[in-house]
Structures are given as C-alpha cells and as structure tokens.
C-alpha cells in the first residue's frame, strides 16, 4: 500500500445539512426561542449547529464566487462593446466628413444638389426608400450611403447591447452584495455559538478532533489505485503541495482556498481549465458513481455544497471549512456523497 505523509490535521464528523439556508436559520431561531431561559446548549449541540452554519456559508460562498465570476465577465464584455462603439463612431464620423467635403466643394462651385443634401440628412433611410432620389445618385454615392446606414444600425445595436449588459451588471452587483452579507452572517453566527462554550468545552472539542486525527495516524494510506488520467494525477499532485494552507471563503490560491477554489487551482496547474463553483464544476466532466472513482476525480457532497479531489482508498484532499486547512480526510466524515466527475483535458 502506498502512503502519503502530511501534517497532522484534525478531522471532524459532519452532519447532513438542511436543504436550504433558510431552513437552517428557522431551525436555529426556533430552537433558541423554545430553549429554557438560562439554559445553555450542550457542546455537541453547538458543534452540530456550527457545522451546519459552515456548510450553509460554503453554499453562499459558492454563489458569491459565481456572482463575482459573472461580474468580471460582464465588465469585460461591456468594455469590449464600448470600445467597438467608440471605434464605430469614429468610422461613421469619417464617412460623414467625406460627404461634408463633397458638399463644400459643390457649394463653392455654385450650390449643393439633392444627392449631396441626401448624404447630409440625419435620416438617410428615409431617402433610400424613395426611388426617385436613388435615380439621382451615382453608384459610388449609393454605396457610401449604404455604409453609413449599416454603421448606424450596428452602433444602435451595440449601444442597446451595452445598455442591457449594464442592467445585468447592476443586478449581479446587488446579488454579490447580498451573498457577501449572507456569508458574513453565517460565519458570525457560527462564531457566536462557539463563544458560548466554556474554555473547558472548547478544549474538549479540540481534543476530540485531535483524537480523530490520531486514529488515522501521521500517514494517510492512499492505496495504489491508478489515477483517472494524467491530468487527474497532475491535479492531485498540485493540490498535495497546498496541504496546510488555510480555508478562506472566496480563496482561489495560492495562499488560501475555498473548496472549489482549490480544485480549480489544482486543475489549472495540470493545464486544464475548469469553472469556479461547485454548481458549474459538476458539468466540467463525466459524472461517475462512487465505485468508479479514481485518484484525481472531483467528488461532490451535500447537495453540491462541497467539492474535493478523490485521492484513493476512500480519502479526499480538500479545503474543508473556515478555521481549517487544506487536508486529507475520509469520505465518510465529509458528508453526504453525491457523485464524482472525471475531468479530461
């Protein structure tokens, strides 16, 4: 059996999360309201509630990451459209300037005929619909007018597209602000619960996690399973170099990570681009069952609330939750397994 050395890291037993963040909030509020005045929740109750809050915060973080990604994409698209509009306006101005020069030449020679007046019109479409006017134009003049028409239409479409994307951007920024508040609220609630514990209870929780870590020993037995692919092997090897780095909501490396930030970073080191969130990473390859997992596959848990890299022998390399670090952990303690995804280059 192959083995892998890692820093000793505490593990935790996760609980099944409530289906929505709202349900978790209602449950916690209800429990608080029904508690006997002066009664303090037990250490185990606090631990379970904190884990739920962390998992809810993880979901909100993933949606936050998605909103940030969308915002960045929209900003780039809007910038490109605005650049195109500016360039198109310059080209339109040059076309009109050419017509203006022709008008000036005719004026100096005794007047401006109807064809030149047509070119100077603010609404050339109206004139082009009149066959009598077209008869007065040379082929070259008609071509110039059509270029102006096409440029005007293009600019109008681009300006409309920019307006729509700016509205979408405003909505995305509002979503971003809401998700940031939600993440901060969940983390603050978790910390508040932890603060209700006495020093002795906190020490007991720490000791509990330390004992769980000792159960696995200083070495993680990963077995000798063949990797999913050369890309999967490279991604897993890259993630292994990040063991011990902290979990930070929104972190995408190289100093800190959230769960999907780690998997995206790891595959990027393998030369494969995958998306940013658990909700999109599930579509970055072929879905597979637990008995098909190979090292390097993505593994999803808790209704797409968490993702990691399968490392072999039932172990997962992942960024767990706030306050912890990138580490190896048994699939059995992470939560409810959903499916794996095999990424190919």
Foldseek 3Di string as FASTA:
>chain_A
DDWDFDAQFFFFFADFEDPAPVVLVVVVVVCVVPDDVPDADDLVVLVHSLRNLQLNLLQLLLVLLVLVVLLVVLVVVLVVLVVVLVVLVVVLVVLLVVLVVVQVVVVVVPHGDPLSVLSVDPCVVVVVVDVVNVVVDDPVSVVSSVVNVVSVVVSVVSVVVSVVSVVVSVVSVVSNVVSVVSSVVSNVVSVVSVVSDDPVSVVVVVVVRSVVSCVCPSMHDFDDFDAPDLLLVQLLVQLVVFFPAAADRVDQDDRYHAFQSSSQNSSVSSVDHADRALVRNQVQAAWAAPVPDGFSWWWAANVSSGIFTRRHPQKTFGRQGHPGGTDIDGPSRRHGTDIIGDHDD
